[in-house]
C-alpha atoms as a PDB file:
ATOM      1  CA  MET A   1     130.757 117.828 110.456  1.00  0.00           C
ATOM      2  CA  SER A   2     127.490 117.987 112.439  1.00  0.00           C
ATOM      3  CA  ASN A   3     129.372 117.715 115.730  1.00  0.00           C
ATOM      4  CA  TYR A   4     131.454 120.719 114.731  1.00  0.00           C
ATOM      5  CA  PHE A   5     128.475 123.020 114.112  1.00  0.00           C
ATOM      6  CA  GLN A   6     126.724 122.074 117.337  1.00  0.00           C
ATOM      7  CA  TYR A   7     129.234 124.125 119.329  1.00  0.00           C
ATOM      8  CA  PHE A   8     128.249 127.433 117.737  1.00  0.00           C
ATOM      9  CA  PRO A   9     125.715 129.613 119.596  1.00  0.00           C
ATOM     10  CA  ARG A  10     122.243 130.183 118.206  1.00  0.00           C
ATOM     11  CA  SER A  11     120.987 133.640 117.306  1.00  0.00           C
ATOM     12  CA  PHE A  12     117.985 135.249 115.617  1.00  0.00           C
ATOM     13  CA  TYR A  13     118.363 136.284 111.977  1.00  0.00           C
ATOM     14  CA  ARG A  14     115.897 137.915 109.575  1.00  0.00           C
ATOM     15  CA  PHE A  15     116.314 137.240 105.859  1.00  0.00           C
ATOM     16  CA  GLY A  16     115.640 139.982 103.333  1.00  0.00           C
ATOM     17  CA  ASN A  17     112.238 141.591 103.786  1.00  0.00           C
ATOM     18  CA  GLU A  18     110.878 138.919 106.081  1.00  0.00           C
ATOM     19  CA  THR A  19     109.045 140.255 109.135  1.00  0.00           C
ATOM     20  CA  THR A  20     109.852 137.308 111.388  1.00  0.00           C
ATOM     21  CA  SER A  21     113.232 136.048 112.519  1.00  0.00           C
ATOM     22  CA  ASP A  22     114.509 132.497 112.440  1.00  0.00           C
ATOM     23  CA  ILE A  23     116.940 130.869 114.828  1.00  0.00           C
ATOM     24  CA  PHE A  24     120.259 129.924 113.247  1.00  0.00           C
ATOM     25  CA  GLN A  25     123.623 128.880 114.540  1.00  0.00           C
ATOM     26  CA  ASN A  26     126.053 131.764 114.197  1.00  0.00           C
ATOM     27  CA  ILE A  27     128.820 130.082 112.225  1.00  0.00           C
ATOM     28  CA  THR A  28     130.452 133.439 111.432  1.00  0.00           C
ATOM     29  CA  ILE A  29     132.162 133.197 114.813  1.00  0.00           C
ATOM     30  CA  TYR A  30     135.674 131.871 114.370  1.00  0.00           C
ATOM     31  CA  ALA A  31     137.725 130.364 117.160  1.00  0.00           C
ATOM     32  CA  ASP A  32     141.496 130.220 116.710  1.00  0.00           C
ATOM     33  CA  VAL A  33     142.028 127.467 119.280  1.00  0.00           C
ATOM     34  CA  VAL A  34     142.872 124.861 116.665  1.00  0.00           C
ATOM     35  CA  ASP A  35     145.078 127.318 114.753  1.00  0.00           C
ATOM     36  CA  GLN A  36     147.070 127.770 117.937  1.00  0.00           C
ATOM     37  CA  VAL A  37     147.721 124.050 118.282  1.00  0.00           C
ATOM     38  CA  LYS A  38     148.009 122.735 114.747  1.00  0.00           C
ATOM     39  CA  ASP A  39     151.585 123.984 114.367  1.00  0.00           C
ATOM     40  CA  ASN A  40     152.607 122.931 117.873  1.00  0.00           C
ATOM     41  CA  THR A  41     154.524 119.679 117.542  1.00  0.00           C
ATOM     42  CA  THR A  42     153.831 118.763 121.169  1.00  0.00           C
ATOM     43  CA  VAL A  43     150.085 118.651 120.484  1.00  0.00           C
ATOM     44  CA  TYR A  44     149.811 116.661 117.258  1.00  0.00           C
ATOM     45  CA  PHE A  45     151.366 113.726 115.447  1.00  0.00           C
ATOM     46  CA  ASP A  46     151.269 112.587 111.828  1.00  0.00           C
ATOM     47  CA  TYR A  47     148.738 109.964 110.832  1.00  0.00           C
ATOM     48  CA  TYR A  48     148.348 108.107 107.523  1.00  0.00           C
ATOM     49  CA  ILE A  49     144.747 107.461 106.466  1.00  0.00           C
ATOM     50  CA  GLN A  50     144.295 103.858 105.381  1.00  0.00           C
ATOM     51  CA  GLU A  51     142.599 102.764 102.155  1.00  0.00           C
ATOM     52  CA  GLY A  52     138.840 103.236 102.396  1.00  0.00           C
ATOM     53  CA  GLU A  53     138.989 104.622 105.938  1.00  0.00           C
ATOM     54  CA  ARG A  54     136.208 107.113 106.771  1.00  0.00           C
ATOM     55  CA  PRO A  55     136.632 110.173 109.063  1.00  0.00           C
ATOM     56  CA  ASP A  56     134.377 108.672 111.748  1.00  0.00           C
ATOM     57  CA  GLN A  57     136.418 105.455 111.671  1.00  0.00           C
ATOM     58  CA  THR A  58     139.661 107.393 112.042  1.00  0.00           C
ATOM     59  CA  SER A  59     138.166 109.285 114.985  1.00  0.00           C
ATOM     60  CA  PHE A  60     137.112 106.030 116.658  1.00  0.00           C
ATOM     61  CA  ASN A  61     140.485 104.365 116.000  1.00  0.00           C
ATOM     62  CA  LEU A  62     142.352 107.295 117.553  1.00  0.00           C
ATOM     63  CA  TYR A  63     140.014 108.458 120.284  1.00  0.00           C
ATOM     64  CA  GLY A  64     137.492 105.672 120.867  1.00  0.00           C
ATOM     65  CA  ASN A  65     134.805 108.160 119.823  1.00  0.00           C
ATOM     66  CA  THR A  66     133.404 108.912 116.353  1.00  0.00           C
ATOM     67  CA  ASN A  67     132.475 112.507 117.248  1.00  0.00           C
ATOM     68  CA  PHE A  68     135.930 114.078 116.862  1.00  0.00           C
ATOM     69  CA  HIS A  69     136.173 113.654 113.070  1.00  0.00           C
ATOM     70  CA  TRP A  70     135.684 117.406 112.527  1.00  0.00           C
ATOM     71  CA  THR A  71     139.045 118.143 114.164  1.00  0.00           C
ATOM     72  CA  PHE A  72     140.839 116.542 111.202  1.00  0.00           C
ATOM     73  CA  TYR A  73     139.479 119.241 108.884  1.00  0.00           C
ATOM     74  CA  LEU A  74     140.455 122.065 111.217  1.00  0.00           C
ATOM     75  CA  MET A  75     143.956 120.651 111.646  1.00  0.00           C
ATOM     76  CA  ASN A  76     144.564 120.125 107.902  1.00  0.00           C
ATOM     77  CA  ASN A  77     143.921 122.830 105.330  1.00  0.00           C
ATOM     78  CA  LYS A  78     144.170 120.349 102.466  1.00  0.00           C
ATOM     79  CA  LEU A  79     141.238 118.331 103.815  1.00  0.00           C
ATOM     80  CA  ARG A  80     139.104 121.475 104.123  1.00  0.00           C
ATOM     81  CA  GLU A  81     139.964 122.514 100.580  1.00  0.00           C
ATOM     82  CA  GLN A  82     139.942 119.142  98.782  1.00  0.00           C
ATOM     83  CA  GLY A  83     137.959 116.808 100.991  1.00  0.00           C
ATOM     84  CA  TRP A  84     138.658 113.426 102.553  1.00  0.00           C
ATOM     85  CA  PRO A  85     140.731 111.019 100.406  1.00  0.00           C
ATOM     86  CA  LEU A  86     138.744 108.642  98.220  1.00  0.00           C
ATOM     87  CA  SER A  87     139.106 104.891  97.908  1.00  0.00           C
ATOM     88  CA  ARG A  88     140.954 103.722  94.792  1.00  0.00           C
ATOM     89  CA  SER A  89     137.716 102.578  93.169  1.00  0.00           C
ATOM     90  CA  ASN A  90     136.152 105.990  93.803  1.00  0.00           C
ATOM     91  CA  VAL A  91     139.226 107.728  92.360  1.00  0.00           C
ATOM     92  CA  LEU A  92     138.652 105.735  89.174  1.00  0.00           C
ATOM     93  CA  ARG A  93     134.999 106.752  89.057  1.00  0.00           C
ATOM     94  CA  TYR A  94     135.992 110.373  89.728  1.00  0.00           C
ATOM     95  CA  ALA A  95     138.518 110.353  86.870  1.00  0.00           C
ATOM     96  CA  GLN A  96     136.073 108.708  84.464  1.00  0.00           C
ATOM     97  CA  LYS A  97     133.449 111.352  85.265  1.00  0.00           C
ATOM     98  CA  LYS A  98     135.845 114.299  85.076  1.00  0.00           C
ATOM     99  CA  TYR A  99     137.522 113.081  81.867  1.00  0.00           C
ATOM    100  CA  PRO A 100     134.683 111.419  79.906  1.00  0.00           C
ATOM    101  CA  ASN A 101     135.920 111.907  76.350  1.00  0.00           C
ATOM    102  CA  LYS A 102     138.278 110.119  73.963  1.00  0.00           C
ATOM    103  CA  THR A 103     141.834 111.273  73.281  1.00  0.00           C
ATOM    104  CA  ILE A 104     143.211 110.943  69.756  1.00  0.00           C
ATOM    105  CA  THR A 105     146.984 111.261  69.521  1.00  0.00           C
ATOM    106  CA  THR A 106     148.599 112.223  66.257  1.00  0.00           C
ATOM    107  CA  ARG A 107     152.132 112.765  65.025  1.00  0.00           C
ATOM    108  CA  THR A 108     150.890 115.446  62.634  1.00  0.00           C
ATOM    109  CA  ARG A 109     152.069 118.884  63.730  1.00  0.00           C
ATOM    110  CA  LEU A 110     148.772 120.413  64.852  1.00  0.00           C
ATOM    111  CA  THR A 111     150.266 123.903  65.070  1.00  0.00           C
ATOM    112  CA  SER A 112     150.626 123.874  61.261  1.00  0.00           C
ATOM    113  CA  LEU A 113     146.852 123.473  60.868  1.00  0.00           C
ATOM    114  CA  THR A 114     145.948 127.079  61.571  1.00  0.00           C
ATOM    115  CA  GLY A 115     142.449 127.176  60.104  1.00  0.00           C
ATOM    116  CA  PHE A 116     140.891 123.923  61.214  1.00  0.00           C
ATOM    117  CA  PHE A 117     141.083 121.023  63.682  1.00  0.00           C
ATOM    118  CA  LYS A 118     140.176 123.615  66.279  1.00  0.00           C
ATOM    119  CA  THR A 119     138.035 123.359  69.382  1.00  0.00           C
ATOM    120  CA  GLY A 120     134.406 122.975  68.287  1.00  0.00           C
ATOM    121  CA  ASP A 121     135.207 121.540  64.858  1.00  0.00           C
ATOM    122  CA  ILE A 122     133.527 118.315  63.673  1.00  0.00           C
ATOM    123  CA  ILE A 123     135.913 115.653  62.373  1.00  0.00           C
ATOM    124  CA  GLU A 124     135.348 112.379  60.519  1.00  0.00           C
ATOM    125  CA  GLY A 125     137.399 109.223  60.052  1.00  0.00           C
ATOM    126  CA  ARG A 126     137.951 108.516  56.354  1.00  0.00           C
ATOM    127  CA  ASP A 127     137.819 104.730  56.769  1.00  0.00           C
ATOM    128  CA  SER A 128     135.513 104.269  59.755  1.00  0.00           C
ATOM    129  CA  GLY A 129     133.093 107.105  59.035  1.00  0.00           C
ATOM    130  CA  ALA A 130     133.117 107.865  62.756  1.00  0.00           C
ATOM    131  CA  THR A 131     132.436 111.468  63.738  1.00  0.00           C
ATOM    132  CA  ALA A 132     133.340 113.579  66.756  1.00  0.00           C
ATOM    133  CA  LYS A 133     133.451 117.124  68.062  1.00  0.00           C
ATOM    134  CA  ILE A 134     136.812 118.471  69.190  1.00  0.00           C
ATOM    135  CA  GLU A 135     136.420 119.539  72.831  1.00  0.00           C
ATOM    136  CA  HIS A 136     139.969 120.821  73.316  1.00  0.00           C
ATOM    137  CA  ARG A 137     143.538 120.262  72.167  1.00  0.00           C
ATOM    138  CA  HIS A 138     146.910 119.695  73.811  1.00  0.00           C
ATOM    139  CA  LEU A 139     149.331 120.828  71.137  1.00  0.00           C
ATOM    140  CA  ASP A 140     152.453 119.982  73.146  1.00  0.00           C
ATOM    141  CA  LEU A 141     151.338 116.335  73.319  1.00  0.00           C
ATOM    142  CA  GLY A 142     149.755 116.053  69.856  1.00  0.00           C
ATOM    143  CA  GLN A 143     146.344 115.329  71.394  1.00  0.00           C
ATOM    144  CA  LEU A 144     142.808 115.997  70.234  1.00  0.00           C
ATOM    145  CA  VAL A 145     140.273 115.451  73.012  1.00  0.00           C
ATOM    146  CA  VAL A 146     137.003 114.606  71.279  1.00  0.00           C
ATOM    147  CA  ASN A 147     133.387 113.821  72.084  1.00  0.00           C
ATOM    148  CA  VAL A 148     132.547 110.919  69.761  1.00  0.00           C
ATOM    149  CA  THR A 149     129.104 111.389  68.225  1.00  0.00           C
ATOM    150  CA  SER A 150     128.970 108.254  66.051  1.00  0.00           C
ATOM    151  CA  GLY A 151     131.008 105.197  65.109  1.00  0.00           C
ATOM    152  CA  THR A 152     134.442 104.051  66.277  1.00  0.00           C
ATOM    153  CA  PHE A 153     137.686 105.624  65.094  1.00  0.00           C
ATOM    154  CA  GLN A 154     140.524 103.366  63.999  1.00  0.00           C
ATOM    155  CA  VAL A 155     144.244 103.662  64.695  1.00  0.00           C
ATOM    156  CA  GLY A 156     146.070 104.427  61.440  1.00  0.00           C
ATOM    157  CA  GLU A 157     143.175 106.108  59.660  1.00  0.00           C
ATOM    158  CA  LEU A 158     143.068 109.701  58.480  1.00  0.00           C
ATOM    159  CA  LEU A 159     140.860 112.333  60.058  1.00  0.00           C
ATOM    160  CA  GLN A 160     139.357 115.028  57.907  1.00  0.00           C
ATOM    161  CA  MET A 161     136.968 117.946  58.017  1.00  0.00           C
ATOM    162  CA  ALA A 162     134.354 118.724  55.378  1.00  0.00           C
ATOM    163  CA  GLY A 163     135.616 121.217  52.819  1.00  0.00           C
ATOM    164  CA  THR A 164     139.310 120.774  53.653  1.00  0.00           C
ATOM    165  CA  SER A 165     142.086 118.764  52.081  1.00  0.00           C
ATOM    166  CA  ASP A 166     144.387 118.570  55.103  1.00  0.00           C
ATOM    167  CA  THR A 167     144.206 115.447  57.229  1.00  0.00           C
ATOM    168  CA  VAL A 168     145.481 114.146  60.537  1.00  0.00           C
ATOM    169  CA  LEU A 169     146.737 110.588  60.950  1.00  0.00           C
ATOM    170  CA  ILE A 170     145.567 108.788  64.100  1.00  0.00           C
ATOM    171  CA  HIS A 171     148.546 107.384  66.000  1.00  0.00           C
ATOM    172  CA  SER A 172     146.575 106.144  69.032  1.00  0.00           C
ATOM    173  CA  ILE A 173     143.162 106.372  70.673  1.00  0.00           C
ATOM    174  CA  SER A 174     142.389 106.060  74.378  1.00  0.00           C
ATOM    175  CA  ASP A 175     139.835 106.981  76.987  1.00  0.00           C
ATOM    176  CA  GLU A 176     140.609 110.515  78.146  1.00  0.00           C
ATOM    177  CA  HIS A 177     141.262 109.514  81.769  1.00  0.00           C
ATOM    178  CA  LEU A 178     143.828 106.956  80.548  1.00  0.00           C
ATOM    179  CA  SER A 179     145.622 109.340  78.190  1.00  0.00           C
ATOM    180  CA  ALA A 180     148.868 111.156  78.956  1.00  0.00           C
ATOM    181  CA  HIS A 181     148.620 114.196  81.178  1.00  0.00           C
ATOM    182  CA  HIS A 182     152.393 114.708  80.938  1.00  0.00           C
ATOM    183  CA  TYR A 183     155.707 112.840  80.742  1.00  0.00           C
ATOM    184  CA  GLU A 184     158.419 112.592  83.391  1.00  0.00           C
ATOM    185  CA  ASP A 185     162.083 111.656  83.330  1.00  0.00           C
ATOM    186  CA  ALA A 186     163.699 109.226  85.775  1.00  0.00           C
ATOM    187  CA  SER A 187     163.863 111.990  88.404  1.00  0.00           C
ATOM    188  CA  LYS A 188     160.107 112.634  88.050  1.00  0.00           C
ATOM    189  CA  VAL A 189     160.733 116.001  86.431  1.00  0.00           C
ATOM    190  CA  ILE A 190     158.091 116.944  83.861  1.00  0.00           C
ATOM    191  CA  THR A 191     159.722 116.861  80.449  1.00  0.00           C
ATOM    192  CA  ASP A 192     158.664 118.343  77.125  1.00  0.00           C
ATOM    193  CA  ILE A 193     158.348 116.084  74.100  1.00  0.00           C
ATOM    194  CA  ASP A 194     158.286 116.613  70.358  1.00  0.00           C
ATOM    195  CA  PRO A 195     154.648 115.774  69.554  1.00  0.00           C
ATOM    196  CA  THR A 196     155.606 114.751  66.012  1.00  0.00           C
ATOM    197  CA  VAL A 197     157.912 112.065  67.413  1.00  0.00           C
ATOM    198  CA  GLY A 198     156.422 111.237  70.798  1.00  0.00           C
ATOM    199  CA  PRO A 199     158.156 110.470  74.090  1.00  0.00           C
ATOM    200  CA  GLY A 200     161.567 108.877  74.164  1.00  0.00           C
ATOM    201  CA  GLY A 201     162.124 105.469  75.721  1.00  0.00           C
ATOM    202  CA  LEU A 202     163.450 106.936  79.000  1.00  0.00           C
ATOM    203  CA  LEU A 203     160.331 108.990  79.702  1.00  0.00           C
ATOM    204  CA  ASN A 204     157.421 107.779  81.801  1.00  0.00           C
ATOM    205  CA  GLU A 205     153.834 108.546  80.887  1.00  0.00           C
ATOM    206  CA  VAL A 206     151.642 109.955  83.662  1.00  0.00           C
ATOM    207  CA  THR A 207     147.952 109.630  82.827  1.00  0.00           C
ATOM    208  CA  TYR A 208     145.075 111.672  84.177  1.00  0.00           C
ATOM    209  CA  LEU A 209     144.138 108.667  86.313  1.00  0.00           C
ATOM    210  CA  ASP A 210     147.719 108.390  87.634  1.00  0.00           C
ATOM    211  CA  ARG A 211     147.619 112.066  88.546  1.00  0.00           C
ATOM    212  CA  ALA A 212     144.257 111.695  90.298  1.00  0.00           C
ATOM    213  CA  HIS A 213     145.642 108.812  92.387  1.00  0.00           C
ATOM    214  CA  SER A 214     148.748 110.848  93.244  1.00  0.00           C
ATOM    215  CA  GLU A 215     146.720 113.879  94.330  1.00  0.00           C
ATOM    216  CA  ASN A 216     144.446 111.632  96.368  1.00  0.00           C
ATOM    217  CA  ASP A 217     147.409 109.928  98.060  1.00  0.00           C
ATOM    218  CA  ASN A 218     148.802 113.335  99.029  1.00  0.00           C
ATOM    219  CA  LEU A 219     145.710 113.867 101.185  1.00  0.00           C
ATOM    220  CA  LYS A 220     146.341 110.769 103.295  1.00  0.00           C
ATOM    221  CA  LEU A 221     149.153 112.050 105.514  1.00  0.00           C
ATOM    222  CA  ILE A 222     147.508 114.360 108.059  1.00  0.00           C
ATOM    223  CA  ARG A 223     148.111 115.957 111.439  1.00  0.00           C
ATOM    224  CA  VAL A 224     145.901 114.749 114.280  1.00  0.00           C
ATOM    225  CA  ILE A 225     145.604 115.881 117.880  1.00  0.00           C
ATOM    226  CA  LYS A 226     147.156 113.491 120.369  1.00  0.00           C
ATOM    227  CA  PRO A 227     144.561 111.288 122.113  1.00  0.00           C
ATOM    228  CA  SER A 228     145.727 112.502 125.520  1.00  0.00           C
ATOM    229  CA  LEU A 229     144.919 116.107 124.544  1.00  0.00           C
ATOM    230  CA  ILE A 230     141.821 115.769 122.340  1.00  0.00           C
ATOM    231  CA  THR A 231     139.325 116.424 125.153  1.00  0.00           C
ATOM    232  CA  ASP A 232     141.156 119.552 126.339  1.00  0.00           C
ATOM    233  CA  VAL A 233     141.387 120.980 122.811  1.00  0.00           C
ATOM    234  CA  VAL A 234     137.723 120.262 122.007  1.00  0.00           C
ATOM    235  CA  ASN A 235     136.581 121.801 125.306  1.00  0.00           C
ATOM    236  CA  SER A 236     138.704 124.909 124.658  1.00  0.00           C
ATOM    237  CA  PHE A 237     137.187 125.208 121.193  1.00  0.00           C
ATOM    238  CA  ARG A 238     133.683 124.840 122.589  1.00  0.00           C
ATOM    239  CA  GLU A 239     134.306 127.559 125.190  1.00  0.00           C
ATOM    240  CA  ALA A 240     135.796 129.915 122.597  1.00  0.00           C
ATOM    241  CA  VAL A 241     132.855 129.769 120.191  1.00  0.00           C
ATOM    242  CA  ASN A 242     130.361 130.213 123.014  1.00  0.00           C
ATOM    243  CA  GLU A 243     131.969 133.312 124.528  1.00  0.00           C
END
C-alpha cells in the first residue's frame, strides 16, 4: 500500500507534550473518488484472483504496472476488512494456528452433566491416562475442545474427572481444525443434529478448515478498474487528496 500513501500531503504534527513537530503524511484526508466509481458498472469489471496470485502481480497483469495494487483495496470493502486471499497452503497453516487444540466428540448428553466437564476442567482418560484441559464446548455437536497436557486419548475409552463418578465415552478424536464446524443438508442449509446420535447419512460435515477455505475463496472475486480508465481514476484520486 506504499503507493497509496504517497499521494497524501505532508503536514507538521506535534505529539503530546513534545516541543518540536514532525512531518507526517496527513492520512486523515479522505477522497471519495473511488467511492464514486466502484459502483459504476461502466468503470469496473469483475476479476477472479488466481491461486497464489499477489496484489502486485494482479496489478501488473491488468495494467502492466505493479503500482496500482492499492486500488483493489479501495474498490473492494472485503479486501480492506479481511485482507488479500491466501494460497491453499497458507489457509491450512492459518487454520492450524487458529484452531490448535484437539476435539473429542461424544454421544453422551453433555447438557446432563451440569456440575462438571465444563470449560477449565481437567479430564483424564481411564485407559490411556492422558490428561487435558477443556478449552470450550459445543453442546449442539457433542464436542469437547481440549488442550492435551499429557498422553494420547483413545477412541472408545471413558473420560473422567477426579472426585466424580460420571464419565464421558469418546466417540472420536480429531485435530480441532479438522473437526466439524457444522453440518449441511443437500441444499447447503445448516442443519441441527442430535449430538447423542450424530449426523444422519444425508448430512455433510463442514470442518473448520473447509470453512476457512470457503471464506478465503469468497475473497477472490473482486471489482477492478478497467485498464483504459485506471490512469484517469488514479490521477483524480491524487488531485483530490492534494487539494
